[in-house]
């Protein structure tokens, strides 16, 4: 393998054409074959646990009902102004996602700094990383089932659940941004006699702001979709009403909720993508 690399380096020195350099590239066909065999073996082994026996009579009726509801939604419910209408429930779902994201993003900041190896000692940093990992390992539905015993059903349970779940993911992204800090700027500020506050204000915050905002917006997208799922267990939002309509087979109302969710998610996705793109470009 080293001989091939040497030949490739010689090819670069001799300024060979791209085709000639590509022909002399190192070939890892044995490694690629092994990877393909492993993936195929895992897929075959996993497929043995699946036994599809066709759709049941009830399942086909439900599928037809959902399609019928999407194509013929309840317009009165979709544009209703009451607290049972789609607009109100969508706003409640979005409010849960907004509060959960804001609280989670704020609480993730101290966790991220305490878990960064370039700021804290490694034992302390690894201790907080384990804590963040424990938070991330528990699914949001399990968190909701636990918190609902504390706060009772409602939007408060959804906000607390999303705040805790957001800490796990946002902290992980914050840690990456903190550990990529350019310390030379801090050294320059220190040489100028700046105080600790000034070093944070002019050396740390400008480097982290764009990354932190982008991560928070990305997490908001996730929380907005999770807020619907959390409503299934009684954590507020549109999910609870959607499940009730599914259980009672009111397909027109199901269609109204589905259309409302799709429109809301598309709008939020469009706006958040534009904001993240501007942040990435430094505008």
C-alpha atoms as a PDB file:
ATOM      1  CA  UNK A   1       0.000   0.000   0.000  1.00  0.00           C
ATOM      2  CA  UNK A   2       2.871   2.363   0.801  1.00  0.00           C
ATOM      3  CA  UNK A   3       4.351   1.763  -2.661  1.00  0.00           C
ATOM      4  CA  UNK A   4       1.084   2.831  -4.275  1.00  0.00           C
ATOM      5  CA  UNK A   5       1.027   5.968  -2.169  1.00  0.00           C
ATOM      6  CA  UNK A   6       4.597   6.758  -3.188  1.00  0.00           C
ATOM      7  CA  UNK A   7       3.690   6.271  -6.844  1.00  0.00           C
ATOM      8  CA  UNK A   8       0.715   8.584  -6.384  1.00  0.00           C
ATOM      9  CA  UNK A   9       2.958  11.232  -4.819  1.00  0.00           C
ATOM     10  CA  UNK A  10       5.405  10.857  -7.683  1.00  0.00           C
ATOM     11  CA  UNK A  11       2.507  11.260 -10.095  1.00  0.00           C
ATOM     12  CA  UNK A  12       1.553  14.513  -8.419  1.00  0.00           C
ATOM     13  CA  UNK A  13       5.159  15.718  -8.619  1.00  0.00           C
ATOM     14  CA  UNK A  14       5.315  14.856 -12.329  1.00  0.00           C
ATOM     15  CA  UNK A  15       1.996  16.704 -12.864  1.00  0.00           C
ATOM     16  CA  UNK A  16       0.257  13.784 -14.539  1.00  0.00           C
ATOM     17  CA  UNK A  17      -3.257  14.115 -15.883  1.00  0.00           C
ATOM     18  CA  UNK A  18      -6.252  13.517 -13.636  1.00  0.00           C
ATOM     19  CA  UNK A  19      -7.036  10.248 -15.452  1.00  0.00           C
ATOM     20  CA  UNK A  20      -3.506   8.930 -14.926  1.00  0.00           C
ATOM     21  CA  UNK A  21      -3.475   9.895 -11.254  1.00  0.00           C
ATOM     22  CA  UNK A  22      -6.897   8.310 -10.772  1.00  0.00           C
ATOM     23  CA  UNK A  23      -5.699   5.066 -12.387  1.00  0.00           C
ATOM     24  CA  UNK A  24      -2.828   4.897  -9.870  1.00  0.00           C
ATOM     25  CA  UNK A  25      -5.069   5.433  -6.840  1.00  0.00           C
ATOM     26  CA  UNK A  26      -4.921   2.924  -3.914  1.00  0.00           C
ATOM     27  CA  UNK A  27      -7.601   0.255  -4.286  1.00  0.00           C
ATOM     28  CA  UNK A  28      -9.384  -1.015  -1.206  1.00  0.00           C
ATOM     29  CA  UNK A  29     -11.625  -3.566  -2.938  1.00  0.00           C
ATOM     30  CA  UNK A  30     -11.121  -6.131  -0.184  1.00  0.00           C
ATOM     31  CA  UNK A  31     -12.264  -3.684   2.508  1.00  0.00           C
ATOM     32  CA  UNK A  32     -15.238  -2.536   0.419  1.00  0.00           C
ATOM     33  CA  UNK A  33     -16.277  -6.138  -0.235  1.00  0.00           C
ATOM     34  CA  UNK A  34     -16.101  -6.919   3.478  1.00  0.00           C
ATOM     35  CA  UNK A  35     -18.261  -3.878   4.314  1.00  0.00           C
ATOM     36  CA  UNK A  36     -20.871  -4.868   1.718  1.00  0.00           C
ATOM     37  CA  UNK A  37     -20.981  -8.432   3.052  1.00  0.00           C
ATOM     38  CA  UNK A  38     -21.435  -7.161   6.620  1.00  0.00           C
ATOM     39  CA  UNK A  39     -24.278  -4.822   5.589  1.00  0.00           C
ATOM     40  CA  UNK A  40     -26.000  -7.575   3.586  1.00  0.00           C
ATOM     41  CA  UNK A  41     -25.589 -10.014   6.479  1.00  0.00           C
ATOM     42  CA  UNK A  42     -27.061  -7.536   8.975  1.00  0.00           C
ATOM     43  CA  UNK A  43     -29.979  -6.763   6.646  1.00  0.00           C
ATOM     44  CA  UNK A  44     -30.692 -10.473   6.167  1.00  0.00           C
ATOM     45  CA  UNK A  45     -30.471 -11.195   9.886  1.00  0.00           C
ATOM     46  CA  UNK A  46     -32.753  -8.238  10.720  1.00  0.00           C
ATOM     47  CA  UNK A  47     -35.342  -9.295   8.131  1.00  0.00           C
ATOM     48  CA  UNK A  48     -35.804 -12.651   9.878  1.00  0.00           C
ATOM     49  CA  UNK A  49     -37.542 -10.880  12.776  1.00  0.00           C
ATOM     50  CA  UNK A  50     -40.190  -9.380  10.457  1.00  0.00           C
ATOM     51  CA  UNK A  51     -43.233 -11.410   9.565  1.00  0.00           C
ATOM     52  CA  UNK A  52     -45.696  -9.539   7.355  1.00  0.00           C
ATOM     53  CA  UNK A  53     -48.961 -11.449   7.057  1.00  0.00           C
ATOM     54  CA  UNK A  54     -50.826  -8.867   5.037  1.00  0.00           C
ATOM     55  CA  UNK A  55     -53.203  -6.117   6.068  1.00  0.00           C
ATOM     56  CA  UNK A  56     -56.112  -6.918   8.336  1.00  0.00           C
ATOM     57  CA  UNK A  57     -59.655  -5.941   7.458  1.00  0.00           C
ATOM     58  CA  UNK A  58     -59.580  -3.215  10.099  1.00  0.00           C
ATOM     59  CA  UNK A  59     -56.236  -1.935   8.838  1.00  0.00           C
ATOM     60  CA  UNK A  60     -57.474  -1.539   5.276  1.00  0.00           C
ATOM     61  CA  UNK A  61     -60.569   0.297   6.513  1.00  0.00           C
ATOM     62  CA  UNK A  62     -58.414   2.659   8.584  1.00  0.00           C
ATOM     63  CA  UNK A  63     -56.144   3.335   5.604  1.00  0.00           C
ATOM     64  CA  UNK A  64     -59.137   4.102   3.399  1.00  0.00           C
ATOM     65  CA  UNK A  65     -60.617   6.311   6.101  1.00  0.00           C
ATOM     66  CA  UNK A  66     -57.403   8.349   6.505  1.00  0.00           C
ATOM     67  CA  UNK A  67     -57.133   8.857   2.734  1.00  0.00           C
ATOM     68  CA  UNK A  68     -60.778   9.880   2.628  1.00  0.00           C
ATOM     69  CA  UNK A  69     -60.258  12.317   5.510  1.00  0.00           C
ATOM     70  CA  UNK A  70     -57.215  13.917   3.862  1.00  0.00           C
ATOM     71  CA  UNK A  71     -59.057  14.380   0.583  1.00  0.00           C
ATOM     72  CA  UNK A  72     -62.267  15.557   2.298  1.00  0.00           C
ATOM     73  CA  UNK A  73     -61.221  17.423   5.476  1.00  0.00           C
ATOM     74  CA  UNK A  74     -63.620  19.112   7.861  1.00  0.00           C
ATOM     75  CA  UNK A  75     -63.312  22.733   6.732  1.00  0.00           C
ATOM     76  CA  UNK A  76     -65.309  24.080   9.674  1.00  0.00           C
ATOM     77  CA  UNK A  77     -62.814  22.514  12.070  1.00  0.00           C
ATOM     78  CA  UNK A  78     -59.805  23.493   9.960  1.00  0.00           C
ATOM     79  CA  UNK A  79     -60.696  27.199   9.990  1.00  0.00           C
ATOM     80  CA  UNK A  80     -62.533  27.285  13.313  1.00  0.00           C
ATOM     81  CA  UNK A  81     -61.681  29.996  15.835  1.00  0.00           C
ATOM     82  CA  UNK A  82     -62.656  28.118  19.003  1.00  0.00           C
ATOM     83  CA  UNK A  83     -60.343  26.319  21.414  1.00  0.00           C
ATOM     84  CA  UNK A  84     -61.127  23.035  19.637  1.00  0.00           C
ATOM     85  CA  UNK A  85     -60.314  24.332  16.161  1.00  0.00           C
ATOM     86  CA  UNK A  86     -57.161  23.458  14.263  1.00  0.00           C
ATOM     87  CA  UNK A  87     -55.633  27.000  14.396  1.00  0.00           C
ATOM     88  CA  UNK A  88     -55.881  27.149  18.204  1.00  0.00           C
ATOM     89  CA  UNK A  89     -54.453  23.648  18.690  1.00  0.00           C
ATOM     90  CA  UNK A  90     -51.620  24.372  16.240  1.00  0.00           C
ATOM     91  CA  UNK A  91     -50.754  27.557  18.109  1.00  0.00           C
ATOM     92  CA  UNK A  92     -50.750  25.624  21.384  1.00  0.00           C
ATOM     93  CA  UNK A  93     -48.470  22.987  19.858  1.00  0.00           C
ATOM     94  CA  UNK A  94     -46.124  25.675  18.551  1.00  0.00           C
ATOM     95  CA  UNK A  95     -46.137  27.438  21.937  1.00  0.00           C
ATOM     96  CA  UNK A  96     -45.078  24.196  23.633  1.00  0.00           C
ATOM     97  CA  UNK A  97     -42.252  23.776  21.123  1.00  0.00           C
ATOM     98  CA  UNK A  98     -41.111  27.404  21.495  1.00  0.00           C
ATOM     99  CA  UNK A  99     -41.001  27.331  25.303  1.00  0.00           C
ATOM    100  CA  UNK A 100     -39.430  23.875  25.405  1.00  0.00           C
ATOM    101  CA  UNK A 101     -36.724  24.956  22.963  1.00  0.00           C
ATOM    102  CA  UNK A 102     -35.958  28.229  24.743  1.00  0.00           C
ATOM    103  CA  UNK A 103     -35.708  26.639  28.196  1.00  0.00           C
ATOM    104  CA  UNK A 104     -33.701  23.719  26.838  1.00  0.00           C
ATOM    105  CA  UNK A 105     -31.291  25.987  24.947  1.00  0.00           C
ATOM    106  CA  UNK A 106     -30.671  28.146  28.026  1.00  0.00           C
ATOM    107  CA  UNK A 107     -30.185  25.161  30.345  1.00  0.00           C
ATOM    108  CA  UNK A 108     -27.863  23.508  27.816  1.00  0.00           C
ATOM    109  CA  UNK A 109     -25.334  26.367  27.976  1.00  0.00           C
ATOM    110  CA  UNK A 110     -23.906  25.578  31.462  1.00  0.00           C
ATOM    111  CA  UNK A 111     -24.024  21.846  30.693  1.00  0.00           C
ATOM    112  CA  UNK A 112     -22.033  22.413  27.491  1.00  0.00           C
ATOM    113  CA  UNK A 113     -19.364  24.579  29.113  1.00  0.00           C
ATOM    114  CA  UNK A 114     -18.966  22.164  32.025  1.00  0.00           C
ATOM    115  CA  UNK A 115     -18.634  19.241  29.585  1.00  0.00           C
ATOM    116  CA  UNK A 116     -16.019  20.890  27.337  1.00  0.00           C
ATOM    117  CA  UNK A 117     -12.525  19.501  27.790  1.00  0.00           C
ATOM    118  CA  UNK A 118     -10.828  22.731  26.692  1.00  0.00           C
ATOM    119  CA  UNK A 119     -12.482  24.643  29.545  1.00  0.00           C
ATOM    120  CA  UNK A 120     -12.949  22.138  32.391  1.00  0.00           C
ATOM    121  CA  UNK A 121     -10.688  19.365  33.615  1.00  0.00           C
ATOM    122  CA  UNK A 122     -11.245  16.024  31.915  1.00  0.00           C
ATOM    123  CA  UNK A 123     -12.804  14.236  34.947  1.00  0.00           C
ATOM    124  CA  UNK A 124     -15.402  17.000  35.377  1.00  0.00           C
ATOM    125  CA  UNK A 125     -16.038  17.236  31.632  1.00  0.00           C
ATOM    126  CA  UNK A 126     -16.516  13.468  31.275  1.00  0.00           C
ATOM    127  CA  UNK A 127     -18.851  13.425  34.282  1.00  0.00           C
ATOM    128  CA  UNK A 128     -21.155  15.976  32.661  1.00  0.00           C
ATOM    129  CA  UNK A 129     -20.888  14.202  29.304  1.00  0.00           C
ATOM    130  CA  UNK A 130     -22.162  11.040  30.942  1.00  0.00           C
ATOM    131  CA  UNK A 131     -25.042  13.030  32.441  1.00  0.00           C
ATOM    132  CA  UNK A 132     -25.898  14.478  29.011  1.00  0.00           C
ATOM    133  CA  UNK A 133     -25.712  10.997  27.503  1.00  0.00           C
ATOM    134  CA  UNK A 134     -28.128   9.670  30.130  1.00  0.00           C
ATOM    135  CA  UNK A 135     -30.594  12.427  29.251  1.00  0.00           C
ATOM    136  CA  UNK A 136     -30.330  11.594  25.556  1.00  0.00           C
ATOM    137  CA  UNK A 137     -30.825   7.849  26.018  1.00  0.00           C
ATOM    138  CA  UNK A 138     -34.367   8.234  27.385  1.00  0.00           C
ATOM    139  CA  UNK A 139     -36.951   8.808  24.602  1.00  0.00           C
ATOM    140  CA  UNK A 140     -39.215  11.832  24.766  1.00  0.00           C
ATOM    141  CA  UNK A 141     -42.331   9.688  25.215  1.00  0.00           C
ATOM    142  CA  UNK A 142     -40.810   8.062  28.310  1.00  0.00           C
ATOM    143  CA  UNK A 143     -39.921  11.484  29.709  1.00  0.00           C
ATOM    144  CA  UNK A 144     -43.507  12.612  29.066  1.00  0.00           C
ATOM    145  CA  UNK A 145     -44.933   9.562  30.831  1.00  0.00           C
ATOM    146  CA  UNK A 146     -42.757  10.329  33.857  1.00  0.00           C
ATOM    147  CA  UNK A 147     -43.458  14.070  33.994  1.00  0.00           C
ATOM    148  CA  UNK A 148     -47.180  13.617  33.463  1.00  0.00           C
ATOM    149  CA  UNK A 149     -47.273  11.946  36.891  1.00  0.00           C
ATOM    150  CA  UNK A 150     -45.780  15.119  38.359  1.00  0.00           C
ATOM    151  CA  UNK A 151     -47.614  17.913  36.530  1.00  0.00           C
ATOM    152  CA  UNK A 152     -50.684  16.065  35.302  1.00  0.00           C
ATOM    153  CA  UNK A 153     -51.872  16.110  31.678  1.00  0.00           C
ATOM    154  CA  UNK A 154     -51.597  19.387  29.834  1.00  0.00           C
ATOM    155  CA  UNK A 155     -49.237  21.759  28.070  1.00  0.00           C
ATOM    156  CA  UNK A 156     -46.976  22.152  31.127  1.00  0.00           C
ATOM    157  CA  UNK A 157     -45.956  18.505  30.865  1.00  0.00           C
ATOM    158  CA  UNK A 158     -45.076  19.010  27.192  1.00  0.00           C
ATOM    159  CA  UNK A 159     -42.932  22.083  27.917  1.00  0.00           C
ATOM    160  CA  UNK A 160     -40.981  20.357  30.711  1.00  0.00           C
ATOM    161  CA  UNK A 161     -40.491  17.221  28.629  1.00  0.00           C
ATOM    162  CA  UNK A 162     -39.193  19.128  25.626  1.00  0.00           C
ATOM    163  CA  UNK A 163     -36.925  21.260  27.804  1.00  0.00           C
ATOM    164  CA  UNK A 164     -35.261  18.187  29.289  1.00  0.00           C
ATOM    165  CA  UNK A 165     -35.007  16.387  25.937  1.00  0.00           C
ATOM    166  CA  UNK A 166     -33.557  19.497  24.288  1.00  0.00           C
ATOM    167  CA  UNK A 167     -30.738  19.659  26.830  1.00  0.00           C
ATOM    168  CA  UNK A 168     -29.344  16.344  25.610  1.00  0.00           C
ATOM    169  CA  UNK A 169     -29.106  17.185  21.905  1.00  0.00           C
ATOM    170  CA  UNK A 170     -28.361  20.915  22.145  1.00  0.00           C
ATOM    171  CA  UNK A 171     -25.594  20.372  24.716  1.00  0.00           C
ATOM    172  CA  UNK A 172     -23.864  17.926  22.404  1.00  0.00           C
ATOM    173  CA  UNK A 173     -23.895  20.452  19.552  1.00  0.00           C
ATOM    174  CA  UNK A 174     -22.822  23.292  21.868  1.00  0.00           C
ATOM    175  CA  UNK A 175     -19.844  21.244  23.088  1.00  0.00           C
ATOM    176  CA  UNK A 176     -18.593  20.826  19.528  1.00  0.00           C
ATOM    177  CA  UNK A 177     -18.792  24.585  18.943  1.00  0.00           C
ATOM    178  CA  UNK A 178     -17.061  25.400  22.239  1.00  0.00           C
ATOM    179  CA  UNK A 179     -14.205  22.963  21.620  1.00  0.00           C
ATOM    180  CA  UNK A 180     -13.663  24.511  18.169  1.00  0.00           C
ATOM    181  CA  UNK A 181     -13.061  27.955  19.661  1.00  0.00           C
ATOM    182  CA  UNK A 182     -10.075  29.843  18.296  1.00  0.00           C
ATOM    183  CA  UNK A 183      -8.050  30.331  21.478  1.00  0.00           C
ATOM    184  CA  UNK A 184      -5.578  32.639  19.720  1.00  0.00           C
ATOM    185  CA  UNK A 185      -8.173  35.405  19.901  1.00  0.00           C
ATOM    186  CA  UNK A 186      -8.418  34.950  23.665  1.00  0.00           C
ATOM    187  CA  UNK A 187      -4.626  35.018  23.969  1.00  0.00           C
ATOM    188  CA  UNK A 188      -4.524  38.280  22.019  1.00  0.00           C
ATOM    189  CA  UNK A 189      -7.182  39.824  24.229  1.00  0.00           C
ATOM    190  CA  UNK A 190      -5.320  38.627  27.308  1.00  0.00           C
ATOM    191  CA  UNK A 191      -2.124  40.252  26.023  1.00  0.00           C
ATOM    192  CA  UNK A 192      -4.038  43.517  25.615  1.00  0.00           C
ATOM    193  CA  UNK A 193      -5.000  43.400  29.289  1.00  0.00           C
ATOM    194  CA  UNK A 194      -8.677  42.639  28.806  1.00  0.00           C
ATOM    195  CA  UNK A 195     -10.734  41.445  31.748  1.00  0.00           C
ATOM    196  CA  UNK A 196     -12.438  38.051  31.851  1.00  0.00           C
ATOM    197  CA  UNK A 197     -15.777  39.659  30.978  1.00  0.00           C
ATOM    198  CA  UNK A 198     -14.253  41.468  27.999  1.00  0.00           C
ATOM    199  CA  UNK A 199     -12.646  38.240  26.751  1.00  0.00           C
ATOM    200  CA  UNK A 200     -16.022  36.500  26.928  1.00  0.00           C
ATOM    201  CA  UNK A 201     -17.793  39.470  25.329  1.00  0.00           C
ATOM    202  CA  UNK A 202     -15.409  39.989  22.411  1.00  0.00           C
ATOM    203  CA  UNK A 203     -13.612  36.649  22.098  1.00  0.00           C
ATOM    204  CA  UNK A 204     -16.106  33.914  22.972  1.00  0.00           C
ATOM    205  CA  UNK A 205     -19.641  35.147  22.271  1.00  0.00           C
ATOM    206  CA  UNK A 206     -19.000  36.277  18.647  1.00  0.00           C
ATOM    207  CA  UNK A 207     -17.583  32.840  17.821  1.00  0.00           C
ATOM    208  CA  UNK A 208     -20.451  30.897  19.394  1.00  0.00           C
ATOM    209  CA  UNK A 209     -23.514  33.017  18.614  1.00  0.00           C
ATOM    210  CA  UNK A 210     -24.162  31.807  15.056  1.00  0.00           C
ATOM    211  CA  UNK A 211     -23.618  28.148  15.946  1.00  0.00           C
ATOM    212  CA  UNK A 212     -25.803  28.358  19.057  1.00  0.00           C
ATOM    213  CA  UNK A 213     -28.672  30.055  17.209  1.00  0.00           C
ATOM    214  CA  UNK A 214     -28.493  27.589  14.316  1.00  0.00           C
ATOM    215  CA  UNK A 215     -28.553  24.630  16.721  1.00  0.00           C
ATOM    216  CA  UNK A 216     -31.503  26.093  18.630  1.00  0.00           C
ATOM    217  CA  UNK A 217     -33.507  26.613  15.435  1.00  0.00           C
ATOM    218  CA  UNK A 218     -32.747  23.067  14.329  1.00  0.00           C
ATOM    219  CA  UNK A 219     -33.929  21.736  17.678  1.00  0.00           C
ATOM    220  CA  UNK A 220     -37.107  23.814  17.382  1.00  0.00           C
ATOM    221  CA  UNK A 221     -37.921  21.964  14.149  1.00  0.00           C
ATOM    222  CA  UNK A 222     -37.594  18.676  16.000  1.00  0.00           C
ATOM    223  CA  UNK A 223     -39.596  19.871  19.006  1.00  0.00           C
ATOM    224  CA  UNK A 224     -42.429  21.092  16.804  1.00  0.00           C
ATOM    225  CA  UNK A 225     -42.884  17.586  15.404  1.00  0.00           C
ATOM    226  CA  UNK A 226     -42.351  15.942  18.794  1.00  0.00           C
ATOM    227  CA  UNK A 227     -45.012  18.184  20.356  1.00  0.00           C
ATOM    228  CA  UNK A 228     -47.605  16.418  18.217  1.00  0.00           C
ATOM    229  CA  UNK A 229     -46.402  13.013  19.376  1.00  0.00           C
ATOM    230  CA  UNK A 230     -46.311  14.058  23.026  1.00  0.00           C
ATOM    231  CA  UNK A 231     -49.964  15.051  22.796  1.00  0.00           C
ATOM    232  CA  UNK A 232     -50.783  11.370  22.341  1.00  0.00           C
ATOM    233  CA  UNK A 233     -49.889  10.696  25.991  1.00  0.00           C
ATOM    234  CA  UNK A 234     -51.705  13.813  27.220  1.00  0.00           C
ATOM    235  CA  UNK A 235     -48.872  16.373  27.108  1.00  0.00           C
ATOM    236  CA  UNK A 236     -50.976  19.032  25.384  1.00  0.00           C
ATOM    237  CA  UNK A 237     -51.078  20.196  21.793  1.00  0.00           C
ATOM    238  CA  UNK A 238     -52.885  18.863  18.762  1.00  0.00           C
ATOM    239  CA  UNK A 239     -51.797  15.261  19.299  1.00  0.00           C
ATOM    240  CA  UNK A 240     -54.452  14.474  21.918  1.00  0.00           C
ATOM    241  CA  UNK A 241     -57.304  15.649  19.687  1.00  0.00           C
ATOM    242  CA  UNK A 242     -55.820  13.791  16.724  1.00  0.00           C
ATOM    243  CA  UNK A 243     -55.711  10.505  18.646  1.00  0.00           C
ATOM    244  CA  UNK A 244     -59.263  10.947  19.881  1.00  0.00           C
ATOM    245  CA  UNK A 245     -60.496  11.448  16.316  1.00  0.00           C
ATOM    246  CA  UNK A 246     -58.513   8.408  15.149  1.00  0.00           C
ATOM    247  CA  UNK A 247     -59.986   6.234  17.895  1.00  0.00           C
ATOM    248  CA  UNK A 248     -63.526   7.397  17.105  1.00  0.00           C
ATOM    249  CA  UNK A 249     -62.846   7.140  13.339  1.00  0.00           C
ATOM    250  CA  UNK A 250     -63.860  10.693  12.544  1.00  0.00           C
ATOM    251  CA  UNK A 251     -61.786  10.774   9.380  1.00  0.00           C
ATOM    252  CA  UNK A 252     -62.798  14.244   8.172  1.00  0.00           C
ATOM    253  CA  UNK A 253     -61.532  15.725  11.446  1.00  0.00           C
ATOM    254  CA  UNK A 254     -58.337  13.635  11.179  1.00  0.00           C
ATOM    255  CA  UNK A 255     -57.803  15.094   7.707  1.00  0.00           C
ATOM    256  CA  UNK A 256     -58.160  18.627   9.073  1.00  0.00           C
ATOM    257  CA  UNK A 257     -55.523  18.013  11.745  1.00  0.00           C
ATOM    258  CA  UNK A 258     -53.143  16.383   9.266  1.00  0.00           C
ATOM    259  CA  UNK A 259     -53.460  19.257   6.780  1.00  0.00           C
ATOM    260  CA  UNK A 260     -52.900  21.804   9.544  1.00  0.00           C
ATOM    261  CA  UNK A 261     -49.776  20.011  10.739  1.00  0.00           C
ATOM    262  CA  UNK A 262     -48.355  19.714   7.233  1.00  0.00           C
ATOM    263  CA  UNK A 263     -48.862  23.416   6.487  1.00  0.00           C
ATOM    264  CA  UNK A 264     -47.357  24.481   9.823  1.00  0.00           C
ATOM    265  CA  UNK A 265     -44.306  22.226   9.473  1.00  0.00           C
ATOM    266  CA  UNK A 266     -43.679  23.389   5.902  1.00  0.00           C
ATOM    267  CA  UNK A 267     -43.830  27.059   6.910  1.00  0.00           C
ATOM    268  CA  UNK A 268     -41.514  26.576   9.888  1.00  0.00           C
ATOM    269  CA  UNK A 269     -39.117  24.463   7.803  1.00  0.00           C
ATOM    270  CA  UNK A 270     -38.946  27.144   5.094  1.00  0.00           C
ATOM    271  CA  UNK A 271     -38.298  29.967   7.558  1.00  0.00           C
ATOM    272  CA  UNK A 272     -35.781  28.054   9.683  1.00  0.00           C
ATOM    273  CA  UNK A 273     -33.835  26.895   6.619  1.00  0.00           C
ATOM    274  CA  UNK A 274     -33.472  30.483   5.413  1.00  0.00           C
ATOM    275  CA  UNK A 275     -32.351  31.682   8.841  1.00  0.00           C
ATOM    276  CA  UNK A 276     -29.779  28.879   9.213  1.00  0.00           C
ATOM    277  CA  UNK A 277     -28.486  29.563   5.701  1.00  0.00           C
ATOM    278  CA  UNK A 278     -27.936  33.238   6.499  1.00  0.00           C
ATOM    279  CA  UNK A 279     -26.194  32.343   9.752  1.00  0.00           C
ATOM    280  CA  UNK A 280     -23.920  29.883   7.929  1.00  0.00           C
ATOM    281  CA  UNK A 281     -23.009  32.592   5.404  1.00  0.00           C
ATOM    282  CA  UNK A 282     -22.324  35.078   8.188  1.00  0.00           C
ATOM    283  CA  UNK A 283     -25.015  37.538   7.117  1.00  0.00           C
END
